Amino acid sequence: MSTSIRINDSFYEEAKSQAKAELRSIPNQIEYWARIGKIALDNPEMSIEAIKTLMVAKNQASEPFTFR
């Protein structure tokens, strides 16, 4: 399910720039920021770097193993 939301133009442009640098779509970049923010609010003792590391580890654990 997707839902349209309104955000200000400067936030959109910042998300667009960051999304390009991190090879994400703009909606995925905004969702990424939202997830980090939610985790940070729920866990104020965690640093942003710890949160990002945790998110990467969780993503890697959910990917199926493939031989190369």
PDB file of N, CA and C in Angstrom:
ATOM      1  N   MET A   1       0.840  -1.177   0.000  1.00  0.00           N
ATOM      2  CA  MET A   1       0.000   0.000   0.000  1.00  0.00           C
ATOM      3  C   MET A   1       0.887   1.243   0.000  1.00  0.00           C
ATOM      4  N   SER A   2       0.529   2.229  -0.763  1.00  0.00           N
ATOM      5  CA  SER A   2       1.253   3.490  -0.745  1.00  0.00           C
ATOM      6  C   SER A   2       0.278   4.627  -0.497  1.00  0.00           C
ATOM      7  N   THR A   3       0.785   5.666   0.116  1.00  0.00           N
ATOM      8  CA  THR A   3      -0.019   6.824   0.459  1.00  0.00           C
ATOM      9  C   THR A   3       0.740   8.078   0.063  1.00  0.00           C
ATOM     10  N   SER A   4       0.070   9.016  -0.532  1.00  0.00           N
ATOM     11  CA  SER A   4       0.696  10.292  -0.872  1.00  0.00           C
ATOM     12  C   SER A   4       0.731  11.183   0.361  1.00  0.00           C
ATOM     13  N   ILE A   5       1.840  11.896   0.516  1.00  0.00           N
ATOM     14  CA  ILE A   5       1.958  12.866   1.606  1.00  0.00           C
ATOM     15  C   ILE A   5       2.533  14.158   1.047  1.00  0.00           C
ATOM     16  N   ARG A   6       2.325  15.234   1.763  1.00  0.00           N
ATOM     17  CA  ARG A   6       2.898  16.517   1.361  1.00  0.00           C
ATOM     18  C   ARG A   6       4.117  16.797   2.233  1.00  0.00           C
ATOM     19  N   ILE A   7       5.200  17.188   1.576  1.00  0.00           N
ATOM     20  CA  ILE A   7       6.394  17.635   2.292  1.00  0.00           C
ATOM     21  C   ILE A   7       6.863  18.916   1.627  1.00  0.00           C
ATOM     22  N   ASN A   8       7.631  19.721   2.372  1.00  0.00           N
ATOM     23  CA  ASN A   8       8.056  20.983   1.770  1.00  0.00           C
ATOM     24  C   ASN A   8       9.133  20.741   0.718  1.00  0.00           C
ATOM     25  N   ASP A   9       9.267  21.679  -0.180  1.00  0.00           N
ATOM     26  CA  ASP A   9      10.153  21.536  -1.330  1.00  0.00           C
ATOM     27  C   ASP A   9      11.613  21.353  -0.931  1.00  0.00           C
ATOM     28  N   SER A  10      12.066  22.072   0.102  1.00  0.00           N
ATOM     29  CA  SER A  10      13.476  21.953   0.483  1.00  0.00           C
ATOM     30  C   SER A  10      13.787  20.559   1.046  1.00  0.00           C
ATOM     31  N   PHE A  11      12.847  19.977   1.795  1.00  0.00           N
ATOM     32  CA  PHE A  11      13.041  18.617   2.311  1.00  0.00           C
ATOM     33  C   PHE A  11      13.077  17.624   1.153  1.00  0.00           C
ATOM     34  N   TYR A  12      12.198  17.802   0.191  1.00  0.00           N
ATOM     35  CA  TYR A  12      12.169  16.936  -0.990  1.00  0.00           C
ATOM     36  C   TYR A  12      13.491  16.997  -1.743  1.00  0.00           C
ATOM     37  N   GLU A  13      14.014  18.198  -1.949  1.00  0.00           N
ATOM     38  CA  GLU A  13      15.268  18.356  -2.676  1.00  0.00           C
ATOM     39  C   GLU A  13      16.429  17.719  -1.922  1.00  0.00           C
ATOM     40  N   GLU A  14      16.424  17.848  -0.602  1.00  0.00           N
ATOM     41  CA  GLU A  14      17.464  17.213   0.210  1.00  0.00           C
ATOM     42  C   GLU A  14      17.364  15.688   0.103  1.00  0.00           C
ATOM     43  N   ALA A  15      16.145  15.163   0.160  1.00  0.00           N
ATOM     44  CA  ALA A  15      15.937  13.721   0.020  1.00  0.00           C
ATOM     45  C   ALA A  15      16.360  13.259  -1.369  1.00  0.00           C
ATOM     46  N   LYS A  16      16.056  14.044  -2.372  1.00  0.00           N
ATOM     47  CA  LYS A  16      16.428  13.700  -3.752  1.00  0.00           C
ATOM     48  C   LYS A  16      17.943  13.612  -3.900  1.00  0.00           C
ATOM     49  N   SER A  17      18.647  14.574  -3.349  1.00  0.00           N
ATOM     50  CA  SER A  17      20.101  14.593  -3.408  1.00  0.00           C
ATOM     51  C   SER A  17      20.712  13.403  -2.662  1.00  0.00           C
ATOM     52  N   GLN A  18      20.234  13.158  -1.457  1.00  0.00           N
ATOM     53  CA  GLN A  18      20.741  12.050  -0.658  1.00  0.00           C
ATOM     54  C   GLN A  18      20.392  10.709  -1.279  1.00  0.00           C
ATOM     55  N   ALA A  19      19.199  10.597  -1.828  1.00  0.00           N
ATOM     56  CA  ALA A  19      18.766   9.356  -2.477  1.00  0.00           C
ATOM     57  C   ALA A  19      19.689   9.015  -3.635  1.00  0.00           C
ATOM     58  N   LYS A  20      20.038  10.006  -4.424  1.00  0.00           N
ATOM     59  CA  LYS A  20      20.931   9.776  -5.552  1.00  0.00           C
ATOM     60  C   LYS A  20      22.298   9.297  -5.058  1.00  0.00           C
ATOM     61  N   ALA A  21      22.811   9.925  -4.008  1.00  0.00           N
ATOM     62  CA  ALA A  21      24.123   9.562  -3.467  1.00  0.00           C
ATOM     63  C   ALA A  21      24.128   8.157  -2.874  1.00  0.00           C
ATOM     64  N   GLU A  22      23.004   7.742  -2.321  1.00  0.00           N
ATOM     65  CA  GLU A  22      22.932   6.436  -1.650  1.00  0.00           C
ATOM     66  C   GLU A  22      22.206   5.379  -2.478  1.00  0.00           C
ATOM     67  N   LEU A  23      21.980   5.693  -3.766  1.00  0.00           N
ATOM     68  CA  LEU A  23      21.355   4.761  -4.719  1.00  0.00           C
ATOM     69  C   LEU A  23      19.998   4.246  -4.241  1.00  0.00           C
ATOM     70  N   ARG A  24      19.174   5.169  -3.738  1.00  0.00           N
ATOM     71  CA  ARG A  24      17.806   4.844  -3.325  1.00  0.00           C
ATOM     72  C   ARG A  24      16.844   5.707  -4.130  1.00  0.00           C
ATOM     73  N   SER A  25      15.585   5.287  -4.155  1.00  0.00           N
ATOM     74  CA  SER A  25      14.552   6.156  -4.708  1.00  0.00           C
ATOM     75  C   SER A  25      14.256   7.238  -3.657  1.00  0.00           C
ATOM     76  N   ILE A  26      13.617   8.294  -4.073  1.00  0.00           N
ATOM     77  CA  ILE A  26      13.286   9.361  -3.126  1.00  0.00           C
ATOM     78  C   ILE A  26      12.340   8.841  -2.040  1.00  0.00           C
ATOM     79  N   PRO A  27      11.270   8.115  -2.370  1.00  0.00           N
ATOM     80  CA  PRO A  27      10.418   7.578  -1.299  1.00  0.00           C
ATOM     81  C   PRO A  27      11.174   6.643  -0.355  1.00  0.00           C
ATOM     82  N   ASN A  28      12.081   5.829  -0.900  1.00  0.00           N
ATOM     83  CA  ASN A  28      12.859   4.944  -0.031  1.00  0.00           C
ATOM     84  C   ASN A  28      13.803   5.717   0.875  1.00  0.00           C
ATOM     85  N   GLN A  29      14.353   6.829   0.386  1.00  0.00           N
ATOM     86  CA  GLN A  29      15.224   7.662   1.219  1.00  0.00           C
ATOM     87  C   GLN A  29      14.441   8.262   2.380  1.00  0.00           C
ATOM     88  N   ILE A  30      13.256   8.772   2.094  1.00  0.00           N
ATOM     89  CA  ILE A  30      12.429   9.368   3.146  1.00  0.00           C
ATOM     90  C   ILE A  30      12.006   8.296   4.146  1.00  0.00           C
ATOM     91  N   GLU A  31      11.661   7.108   3.657  1.00  0.00           N
ATOM     92  CA  GLU A  31      11.305   6.006   4.561  1.00  0.00           C
ATOM     93  C   GLU A  31      12.504   5.615   5.422  1.00  0.00           C
ATOM     94  N   TYR A  32      13.698   5.589   4.837  1.00  0.00           N
ATOM     95  CA  TYR A  32      14.922   5.275   5.583  1.00  0.00           C
ATOM     96  C   TYR A  32      15.121   6.277   6.717  1.00  0.00           C
ATOM     97  N   TRP A  33      15.003   7.562   6.405  1.00  0.00           N
ATOM     98  CA  TRP A  33      15.137   8.582   7.442  1.00  0.00           C
ATOM     99  C   TRP A  33      14.074   8.411   8.527  1.00  0.00           C
ATOM    100  N   ALA A  34      12.857   8.105   8.112  1.00  0.00           N
ATOM    101  CA  ALA A  34      11.770   7.926   9.082  1.00  0.00           C
ATOM    102  C   ALA A  34      12.043   6.746  10.000  1.00  0.00           C
ATOM    103  N   ARG A  35      12.551   5.657   9.435  1.00  0.00           N
ATOM    104  CA  ARG A  35      12.866   4.477  10.258  1.00  0.00           C
ATOM    105  C   ARG A  35      13.958   4.794  11.270  1.00  0.00           C
ATOM    106  N   ILE A  36      15.018   5.487  10.820  1.00  0.00           N
ATOM    107  CA  ILE A  36      16.094   5.878  11.736  1.00  0.00           C
ATOM    108  C   ILE A  36      15.535   6.766  12.845  1.00  0.00           C
ATOM    109  N   GLY A  37      14.702   7.720  12.483  1.00  0.00           N
ATOM    110  CA  GLY A  37      14.110   8.617  13.473  1.00  0.00           C
ATOM    111  C   GLY A  37      13.243   7.885  14.475  1.00  0.00           C
ATOM    112  N   LYS A  38      12.438   6.945  14.014  1.00  0.00           N
ATOM    113  CA  LYS A  38      11.571   6.183  14.914  1.00  0.00           C
ATOM    114  C   LYS A  38      12.397   5.342  15.873  1.00  0.00           C
ATOM    115  N   ILE A  39      13.409   4.658  15.347  1.00  0.00           N
ATOM    116  CA  ILE A  39      14.270   3.847  16.210  1.00  0.00           C
ATOM    117  C   ILE A  39      14.982   4.739  17.227  1.00  0.00           C
ATOM    118  N   ALA A  40      15.452   5.905  16.786  1.00  0.00           N
ATOM    119  CA  ALA A  40      16.141   6.836  17.690  1.00  0.00           C
ATOM    120  C   ALA A  40      15.213   7.322  18.802  1.00  0.00           C
ATOM    121  N   LEU A  41      13.974   7.623  18.471  1.00  0.00           N
ATOM    122  CA  LEU A  41      13.021   8.061  19.492  1.00  0.00           C
ATOM    123  C   LEU A  41      12.687   6.934  20.465  1.00  0.00           C
ATOM    124  N   ASP A  42      12.581   5.706  19.943  1.00  0.00           N
ATOM    125  CA  ASP A  42      12.267   4.559  20.790  1.00  0.00           C
ATOM    126  C   ASP A  42      13.458   4.098  21.627  1.00  0.00           C
ATOM    127  N   ASN A  43      14.672   4.448  21.198  1.00  0.00           N
ATOM    128  CA  ASN A  43      15.905   4.002  21.858  1.00  0.00           C
ATOM    129  C   ASN A  43      16.874   5.165  21.999  1.00  0.00           C
ATOM    130  N   PRO A  44      16.578   6.126  22.868  1.00  0.00           N
ATOM    131  CA  PRO A  44      17.399   7.339  22.955  1.00  0.00           C
ATOM    132  C   PRO A  44      18.848   7.090  23.372  1.00  0.00           C
ATOM    133  N   GLU A  45      19.138   5.916  23.924  1.00  0.00           N
ATOM    134  CA  GLU A  45      20.506   5.622  24.334  1.00  0.00           C
ATOM    135  C   GLU A  45      21.395   5.183  23.168  1.00  0.00           C
ATOM    136  N   MET A  46      20.795   4.865  22.023  1.00  0.00           N
ATOM    137  CA  MET A  46      21.555   4.405  20.859  1.00  0.00           C
ATOM    138  C   MET A  46      22.022   5.581  20.005  1.00  0.00           C
ATOM    139  N   SER A  47      23.257   5.478  19.505  1.00  0.00           N
ATOM    140  CA  SER A  47      23.754   6.500  18.577  1.00  0.00           C
ATOM    141  C   SER A  47      23.169   6.243  17.188  1.00  0.00           C
ATOM    142  N   ILE A  48      23.195   7.258  16.361  1.00  0.00           N
ATOM    143  CA  ILE A  48      22.710   7.107  14.991  1.00  0.00           C
ATOM    144  C   ILE A  48      23.547   6.066  14.255  1.00  0.00           C
ATOM    145  N   GLU A  49      24.855   6.060  14.474  1.00  0.00           N
ATOM    146  CA  GLU A  49      25.717   5.074  13.820  1.00  0.00           C
ATOM    147  C   GLU A  49      25.344   3.656  14.245  1.00  0.00           C
ATOM    148  N   ALA A  50      25.030   3.454  15.521  1.00  0.00           N
ATOM    149  CA  ALA A  50      24.607   2.130  15.995  1.00  0.00           C
ATOM    150  C   ALA A  50      23.295   1.725  15.341  1.00  0.00           C
ATOM    151  N   ILE A  51      22.394   2.675  15.192  1.00  0.00           N
ATOM    152  CA  ILE A  51      21.107   2.395  14.556  1.00  0.00           C
ATOM    153  C   ILE A  51      21.321   2.002  13.094  1.00  0.00           C
ATOM    154  N   LYS A  52      22.162   2.755  12.376  1.00  0.00           N
ATOM    155  CA  LYS A  52      22.428   2.445  10.971  1.00  0.00           C
ATOM    156  C   LYS A  52      23.079   1.068  10.834  1.00  0.00           C
ATOM    157  N   THR A  53      24.012   0.741  11.717  1.00  0.00           N
ATOM    158  CA  THR A  53      24.658  -0.573  11.697  1.00  0.00           C
ATOM    159  C   THR A  53      23.643  -1.675  11.935  1.00  0.00           C
ATOM    160  N   LEU A  54      22.750  -1.467  12.880  1.00  0.00           N
ATOM    161  CA  LEU A  54      21.700  -2.438  13.177  1.00  0.00           C
ATOM    162  C   LEU A  54      20.786  -2.637  11.971  1.00  0.00           C
ATOM    163  N   MET A  55      20.432  -1.555  11.301  1.00  0.00           N
ATOM    164  CA  MET A  55      19.563  -1.653  10.128  1.00  0.00           C
ATOM    165  C   MET A  55      20.244  -2.421   8.992  1.00  0.00           C
ATOM    166  N   VAL A  56      21.531  -2.181   8.782  1.00  0.00           N
ATOM    167  CA  VAL A  56      22.277  -2.897   7.748  1.00  0.00           C
ATOM    168  C   VAL A  56      22.339  -4.378   8.085  1.00  0.00           C
ATOM    169  N   ALA A  57      22.648  -4.701   9.337  1.00  0.00           N
ATOM    170  CA  ALA A  57      22.739  -6.102   9.759  1.00  0.00           C
ATOM    171  C   ALA A  57      21.399  -6.810   9.588  1.00  0.00           C
ATOM    172  N   LYS A  58      20.322  -6.133   9.929  1.00  0.00           N
ATOM    173  CA  LYS A  58      18.992  -6.731   9.788  1.00  0.00           C
ATOM    174  C   LYS A  58      18.681  -7.001   8.319  1.00  0.00           C
ATOM    175  N   ASN A  59      19.023  -6.064   7.438  1.00  0.00           N
ATOM    176  CA  ASN A  59      18.793  -6.254   5.999  1.00  0.00           C
ATOM    177  C   ASN A  59      19.614  -7.406   5.452  1.00  0.00           C
ATOM    178  N   GLN A  60      20.859  -7.504   5.871  1.00  0.00           N
ATOM    179  CA  GLN A  60      21.719  -8.573   5.378  1.00  0.00           C
ATOM    180  C   GLN A  60      21.236  -9.930   5.862  1.00  0.00           C
ATOM    181  N   ALA A  61      20.704  -9.988   7.077  1.00  0.00           N
ATOM    182  CA  ALA A  61      20.218 -11.254   7.623  1.00  0.00           C
ATOM    183  C   ALA A  61      18.968 -11.736   6.904  1.00  0.00           C
ATOM    184  N   SER A  62      18.200 -10.815   6.345  1.00  0.00           N
ATOM    185  CA  SER A  62      16.947 -11.212   5.693  1.00  0.00           C
ATOM    186  C   SER A  62      17.125 -11.563   4.224  1.00  0.00           C
ATOM    187  N   GLU A  63      18.310 -11.291   3.669  1.00  0.00           N
ATOM    188  CA  GLU A  63      18.551 -11.620   2.278  1.00  0.00           C
ATOM    189  C   GLU A  63      18.894 -13.093   2.152  1.00  0.00           C
ATOM    190  N   PRO A  64      18.356 -13.772   1.136  1.00  0.00           N
ATOM    191  CA  PRO A  64      18.702 -15.187   0.951  1.00  0.00           C
ATOM    192  C   PRO A  64      20.165 -15.337   0.572  1.00  0.00           C
ATOM    193  N   PHE A  65      20.760 -16.412   1.041  1.00  0.00           N
ATOM    194  CA  PHE A  65      22.156 -16.693   0.732  1.00  0.00           C
ATOM    195  C   PHE A  65      22.268 -17.168  -0.717  1.00  0.00           C
ATOM    196  N   THR A  66      23.229 -16.619  -1.433  1.00  0.00           N
ATOM    197  CA  THR A  66      23.474 -17.069  -2.807  1.00  0.00           C
ATOM    198  C   THR A  66      24.959 -17.321  -2.988  1.00  0.00           C
ATOM    199  N   PHE A  67      25.296 -18.360  -3.753  1.00  0.00           N
ATOM    200  CA  PHE A  67      26.693 -18.635  -4.081  1.00  0.00           C
ATOM    201  C   PHE A  67      27.130 -17.698  -5.179  1.00  0.00           C
ATOM    202  N   ARG A  68      28.390 -17.295  -5.151  1.00  0.00           N
ATOM    203  CA  ARG A  68      28.938 -16.418  -6.192  1.00  0.00           C
ATOM    204  C   ARG A  68      30.032 -17.121  -6.930  1.00  0.00           C
TER     205      ARG A  68
END
